[in-house]
Amino acid sequence: MPVGRFGHSAVVYRSGMFVFGGWDGHDTLDDLYEFSVTTSQWYSVPGRGDVPQSRYRHSAVVYGCCMFVFGGVDKRQARFADLCEFSFDTRPVLSRIFFTGRLQR
């Protein structure tokens, strides 16, 4: 079961709610958990590869079969402008997406 937190993100995909990151009162978190609505149990989703840095106050959305996490801040309030992806179908890991370019204002 995940520790209590705030500033995390939570999205729903099929019968699961996925919770990423947040602040536990002492530090920022980089963990990903799934709550199964069917079994009423929490499952830790293991991290591998290029796992995003711990963060809170970020945004998350489900698009297609993926969860995307954007931005947030670390414990020193440094801001992130990265985009991370987690595929629900293949479940490799929540990983950073590298891109170049600038958004037009």
N, C-alpha and C. Protein backbone atom coordinates (compact mmCIF):
# COMPACT_ATOMS: atom_id res chain seq x y z
N MET A 1 0.84 -1.17 0.00
CA MET A 1 0.00 0.00 0.00
C MET A 1 0.90 1.24 0.00
N PRO A 2 0.54 2.25 -0.80
CA PRO A 2 1.38 3.46 -0.83
C PRO A 2 1.25 4.26 0.46
N VAL A 3 2.30 5.04 0.75
CA VAL A 3 2.25 5.93 1.91
C VAL A 3 1.29 7.08 1.61
N GLY A 4 0.80 7.73 2.67
CA GLY A 4 -0.05 8.90 2.49
C GLY A 4 0.73 9.99 1.77
N ARG A 5 0.04 10.76 0.93
CA ARG A 5 0.72 11.76 0.11
C ARG A 5 -0.26 12.82 -0.35
N PHE A 6 0.29 13.92 -0.84
CA PHE A 6 -0.52 14.92 -1.53
C PHE A 6 0.30 15.46 -2.69
N GLY A 7 -0.35 16.18 -3.59
CA GLY A 7 0.34 16.70 -4.77
C GLY A 7 0.66 15.63 -5.79
N HIS A 8 0.05 14.46 -5.65
CA HIS A 8 0.27 13.35 -6.57
C HIS A 8 -0.69 13.45 -7.75
N SER A 9 -0.56 12.55 -8.70
CA SER A 9 -1.53 12.45 -9.78
C SER A 9 -2.23 11.10 -9.67
N ALA A 10 -3.46 11.06 -10.15
CA ALA A 10 -4.22 9.82 -10.17
C ALA A 10 -5.07 9.80 -11.43
N VAL A 11 -4.99 8.70 -12.16
CA VAL A 11 -5.79 8.52 -13.37
C VAL A 11 -6.46 7.16 -13.30
N VAL A 12 -7.56 7.01 -14.02
CA VAL A 12 -8.28 5.74 -14.06
C VAL A 12 -8.19 5.17 -15.47
N TYR A 13 -7.85 3.89 -15.53
CA TYR A 13 -7.82 3.17 -16.80
C TYR A 13 -8.43 1.80 -16.57
N ARG A 14 -9.49 1.52 -17.29
CA ARG A 14 -10.25 0.28 -17.12
C ARG A 14 -10.65 0.11 -15.66
N SER A 15 -10.22 -0.96 -15.00
CA SER A 15 -10.63 -1.19 -13.61
C SER A 15 -9.54 -0.84 -12.61
N GLY A 16 -8.61 0.02 -13.01
CA GLY A 16 -7.52 0.40 -12.11
C GLY A 16 -7.36 1.90 -11.99
N MET A 17 -6.98 2.34 -10.80
CA MET A 17 -6.61 3.73 -10.58
C MET A 17 -5.10 3.75 -10.35
N PHE A 18 -4.40 4.57 -11.12
CA PHE A 18 -2.94 4.64 -11.05
C PHE A 18 -2.52 5.94 -10.39
N VAL A 19 -1.68 5.83 -9.36
CA VAL A 19 -1.23 6.99 -8.58
C VAL A 19 0.28 7.11 -8.74
N PHE A 20 0.72 8.32 -9.12
CA PHE A 20 2.15 8.54 -9.30
C PHE A 20 2.62 9.72 -8.47
N GLY A 21 3.82 9.55 -7.86
CA GLY A 21 4.53 10.64 -7.21
C GLY A 21 3.79 11.27 -6.04
N GLY A 22 4.13 12.54 -5.78
CA GLY A 22 3.53 13.29 -4.69
C GLY A 22 4.56 13.65 -3.63
N TRP A 23 4.06 14.15 -2.52
CA TRP A 23 4.86 14.59 -1.38
C TRP A 23 4.31 13.90 -0.14
N ASP A 24 5.19 13.27 0.63
CA ASP A 24 4.74 12.54 1.82
C ASP A 24 4.89 13.34 3.12
N GLY A 25 5.21 14.63 3.00
CA GLY A 25 5.42 15.47 4.17
C GLY A 25 6.89 15.68 4.48
N HIS A 26 7.75 14.84 3.90
CA HIS A 26 9.19 14.94 4.11
C HIS A 26 9.98 14.97 2.81
N ASP A 27 9.46 14.30 1.79
CA ASP A 27 10.21 14.15 0.55
C ASP A 27 9.26 13.95 -0.62
N THR A 28 9.78 14.19 -1.83
CA THR A 28 9.01 13.91 -3.03
C THR A 28 9.13 12.42 -3.36
N LEU A 29 8.14 11.91 -4.08
CA LEU A 29 8.06 10.48 -4.38
C LEU A 29 8.12 10.25 -5.88
N ASP A 30 8.62 9.07 -6.27
CA ASP A 30 8.66 8.71 -7.69
C ASP A 30 8.06 7.33 -7.93
N ASP A 31 7.20 6.89 -7.03
CA ASP A 31 6.62 5.56 -7.14
C ASP A 31 5.31 5.59 -7.93
N LEU A 32 4.95 4.44 -8.47
CA LEU A 32 3.71 4.28 -9.23
C LEU A 32 2.96 3.09 -8.63
N TYR A 33 1.70 3.31 -8.28
CA TYR A 33 0.85 2.27 -7.70
C TYR A 33 -0.43 2.15 -8.50
N GLU A 34 -0.96 0.93 -8.51
CA GLU A 34 -2.27 0.69 -9.10
C GLU A 34 -3.21 0.20 -8.01
N PHE A 35 -4.40 0.80 -7.95
CA PHE A 35 -5.46 0.31 -7.07
C PHE A 35 -6.47 -0.40 -7.95
N SER A 36 -6.66 -1.68 -7.72
CA SER A 36 -7.62 -2.47 -8.49
C SER A 36 -9.01 -2.30 -7.89
N VAL A 37 -9.92 -1.77 -8.68
CA VAL A 37 -11.30 -1.61 -8.23
C VAL A 37 -11.94 -2.98 -8.06
N THR A 38 -11.51 -3.94 -8.86
CA THR A 38 -12.06 -5.29 -8.82
C THR A 38 -11.71 -6.02 -7.53
N THR A 39 -10.44 -5.95 -7.11
CA THR A 39 -9.99 -6.69 -5.92
C THR A 39 -9.85 -5.82 -4.68
N SER A 40 -9.98 -4.49 -4.83
CA SER A 40 -9.79 -3.53 -3.73
C SER A 40 -8.41 -3.67 -3.10
N GLN A 41 -7.39 -3.92 -3.92
CA GLN A 41 -6.02 -4.05 -3.44
C GLN A 41 -5.10 -3.12 -4.20
N TRP A 42 -4.01 -2.72 -3.51
CA TRP A 42 -2.97 -1.89 -4.12
C TRP A 42 -1.87 -2.79 -4.65
N TYR A 43 -1.30 -2.40 -5.79
CA TYR A 43 -0.17 -3.10 -6.38
C TYR A 43 0.90 -2.09 -6.74
N SER A 44 2.14 -2.38 -6.36
CA SER A 44 3.26 -1.53 -6.75
C SER A 44 3.63 -1.85 -8.19
N VAL A 45 3.82 -0.81 -9.00
CA VAL A 45 4.26 -1.00 -10.38
C VAL A 45 5.76 -0.72 -10.39
N PRO A 46 6.59 -1.75 -10.61
CA PRO A 46 8.04 -1.57 -10.49
C PRO A 46 8.60 -0.62 -11.54
N GLY A 47 9.61 0.14 -11.13
CA GLY A 47 10.27 1.06 -12.04
C GLY A 47 11.53 0.45 -12.60
N ARG A 48 11.73 0.63 -13.90
CA ARG A 48 12.95 0.16 -14.57
C ARG A 48 13.34 1.21 -15.60
N GLY A 49 14.59 1.20 -15.99
CA GLY A 49 15.04 2.09 -17.06
C GLY A 49 15.14 3.54 -16.61
N ASP A 50 14.74 4.45 -17.47
CA ASP A 50 14.86 5.89 -17.23
C ASP A 50 13.63 6.40 -16.48
N VAL A 51 13.53 6.06 -15.21
CA VAL A 51 12.39 6.44 -14.37
C VAL A 51 12.44 7.95 -14.13
N PRO A 52 11.30 8.64 -14.21
CA PRO A 52 11.29 10.08 -13.95
C PRO A 52 11.73 10.40 -12.52
N GLN A 53 12.30 11.59 -12.35
CA GLN A 53 12.70 12.04 -11.02
C GLN A 53 11.46 12.19 -10.14
N SER A 54 11.66 12.06 -8.83
CA SER A 54 10.54 12.23 -7.91
C SER A 54 10.01 13.65 -8.04
N ARG A 55 8.67 13.79 -7.85
CA ARG A 55 8.04 15.09 -8.06
C ARG A 55 6.65 15.13 -7.43
N TYR A 56 6.15 16.34 -7.30
CA TYR A 56 4.76 16.54 -6.92
C TYR A 56 4.25 17.77 -7.64
N ARG A 57 2.93 18.02 -7.52
CA ARG A 57 2.27 19.14 -8.23
C ARG A 57 2.46 19.05 -9.74
N HIS A 58 2.38 17.85 -10.27
CA HIS A 58 2.47 17.61 -11.71
C HIS A 58 1.08 17.31 -12.25
N SER A 59 0.98 17.11 -13.55
CA SER A 59 -0.29 16.78 -14.19
C SER A 59 -0.19 15.41 -14.83
N ALA A 60 -1.32 14.72 -14.92
CA ALA A 60 -1.35 13.42 -15.59
C ALA A 60 -2.68 13.27 -16.33
N VAL A 61 -2.63 12.55 -17.43
CA VAL A 61 -3.81 12.32 -18.26
C VAL A 61 -3.69 10.95 -18.92
N VAL A 62 -4.83 10.34 -19.20
CA VAL A 62 -4.86 9.10 -19.98
C VAL A 62 -5.22 9.47 -21.40
N TYR A 63 -4.42 8.97 -22.34
CA TYR A 63 -4.72 9.14 -23.75
C TYR A 63 -4.48 7.80 -24.43
N GLY A 64 -5.53 7.25 -25.01
CA GLY A 64 -5.41 5.91 -25.58
C GLY A 64 -5.13 4.90 -24.49
N CYS A 65 -4.06 4.13 -24.65
CA CYS A 65 -3.71 3.12 -23.64
C CYS A 65 -2.48 3.55 -22.84
N CYS A 66 -2.27 4.87 -22.73
CA CYS A 66 -1.09 5.38 -22.01
C CYS A 66 -1.46 6.45 -20.99
N MET A 67 -0.65 6.53 -19.96
CA MET A 67 -0.72 7.64 -19.01
C MET A 67 0.47 8.55 -19.31
N PHE A 68 0.19 9.84 -19.41
CA PHE A 68 1.24 10.82 -19.62
C PHE A 68 1.32 11.71 -18.39
N VAL A 69 2.54 11.95 -17.90
CA VAL A 69 2.79 12.81 -16.75
C VAL A 69 3.64 13.97 -17.23
N PHE A 70 3.22 15.19 -16.86
CA PHE A 70 3.97 16.37 -17.29
C PHE A 70 4.29 17.27 -16.11
N GLY A 71 5.53 17.77 -16.10
CA GLY A 71 5.93 18.83 -15.18
C GLY A 71 6.03 18.43 -13.74
N GLY A 72 5.71 19.39 -12.86
CA GLY A 72 5.82 19.21 -11.43
C GLY A 72 7.04 19.93 -10.87
N VAL A 73 7.25 19.75 -9.58
CA VAL A 73 8.40 20.35 -8.90
C VAL A 73 9.06 19.32 -7.99
N ASP A 74 10.35 19.55 -7.69
CA ASP A 74 11.04 18.67 -6.75
C ASP A 74 10.99 19.29 -5.35
N LYS A 75 11.68 18.68 -4.39
CA LYS A 75 11.59 19.16 -3.00
C LYS A 75 12.20 20.53 -2.80
N ARG A 76 13.06 20.98 -3.73
CA ARG A 76 13.65 22.32 -3.66
C ARG A 76 12.85 23.33 -4.48
N GLN A 77 11.69 22.90 -4.99
CA GLN A 77 10.80 23.71 -5.82
C GLN A 77 11.35 23.99 -7.21
N ALA A 78 12.35 23.22 -7.65
CA ALA A 78 12.83 23.32 -9.03
C ALA A 78 11.75 22.72 -9.94
N ARG A 79 11.44 23.42 -11.02
CA ARG A 79 10.36 22.99 -11.90
C ARG A 79 10.84 22.04 -12.99
N PHE A 80 9.98 21.07 -13.30
CA PHE A 80 10.24 20.14 -14.40
C PHE A 80 9.40 20.56 -15.60
N ALA A 81 9.92 20.32 -16.79
CA ALA A 81 9.18 20.57 -18.02
C ALA A 81 9.28 19.34 -18.92
N ASP A 82 9.36 18.16 -18.30
CA ASP A 82 9.49 16.93 -19.07
C ASP A 82 8.16 16.21 -19.19
N LEU A 83 8.11 15.29 -20.12
CA LEU A 83 6.92 14.49 -20.37
C LEU A 83 7.29 13.03 -20.19
N CYS A 84 6.47 12.30 -19.43
CA CYS A 84 6.74 10.89 -19.15
C CYS A 84 5.55 10.07 -19.63
N GLU A 85 5.82 8.83 -20.03
CA GLU A 85 4.77 7.96 -20.57
C GLU A 85 4.80 6.61 -19.88
N PHE A 86 3.60 6.07 -19.62
CA PHE A 86 3.45 4.71 -19.11
C PHE A 86 2.39 4.02 -19.94
N SER A 87 2.75 2.90 -20.57
CA SER A 87 1.80 2.14 -21.38
C SER A 87 1.10 1.11 -20.49
N PHE A 88 -0.22 1.22 -20.39
CA PHE A 88 -0.98 0.27 -19.57
C PHE A 88 -0.94 -1.13 -20.17
N ASP A 89 -0.89 -1.23 -21.48
CA ASP A 89 -0.94 -2.53 -22.14
C ASP A 89 0.37 -3.30 -22.05
N THR A 90 1.50 -2.63 -22.24
CA THR A 90 2.78 -3.34 -22.19
C THR A 90 3.46 -3.23 -20.84
N ARG A 91 3.10 -2.23 -20.06
CA ARG A 91 3.62 -2.01 -18.71
C ARG A 91 5.12 -2.17 -18.56
N PRO A 92 5.90 -1.57 -19.44
CA PRO A 92 7.34 -1.69 -19.21
C PRO A 92 7.76 -0.86 -18.01
N VAL A 93 7.43 0.42 -18.01
CA VAL A 93 7.78 1.30 -16.91
C VAL A 93 7.33 2.71 -17.29
N LEU A 94 7.13 3.54 -16.28
CA LEU A 94 6.90 4.96 -16.53
C LEU A 94 8.25 5.53 -16.91
N SER A 95 8.38 6.05 -18.11
CA SER A 95 9.69 6.54 -18.55
C SER A 95 9.57 7.90 -19.21
N ARG A 96 10.68 8.62 -19.19
CA ARG A 96 10.72 9.96 -19.76
C ARG A 96 10.71 9.89 -21.28
N ILE A 97 10.04 10.86 -21.89
CA ILE A 97 10.04 11.03 -23.33
C ILE A 97 10.94 12.21 -23.63
N PHE A 98 11.91 12.01 -24.48
CA PHE A 98 12.81 13.10 -24.83
C PHE A 98 12.33 13.74 -26.12
N PHE A 99 12.23 15.05 -26.11
CA PHE A 99 11.80 15.76 -27.30
C PHE A 99 12.58 17.06 -27.39
N THR A 100 12.62 17.59 -28.58
CA THR A 100 13.29 18.86 -28.79
C THR A 100 12.33 19.82 -29.46
N GLY A 101 12.62 21.09 -29.36
CA GLY A 101 11.76 22.09 -29.97
C GLY A 101 11.16 22.99 -28.92
N ARG A 102 10.43 23.97 -29.38
CA ARG A 102 9.78 24.92 -28.48
C ARG A 102 8.33 25.09 -28.87
N LEU A 103 7.52 25.35 -27.89
CA LEU A 103 6.13 25.66 -28.16
C LEU A 103 6.02 27.11 -28.60
N GLN A 104 5.20 27.36 -29.59
CA GLN A 104 4.98 28.73 -30.05
C GLN A 104 4.07 29.45 -29.07
N ARG A 105 4.38 30.70 -28.83
CA ARG A 105 3.52 31.51 -27.94
C ARG A 105 2.54 32.30 -28.75
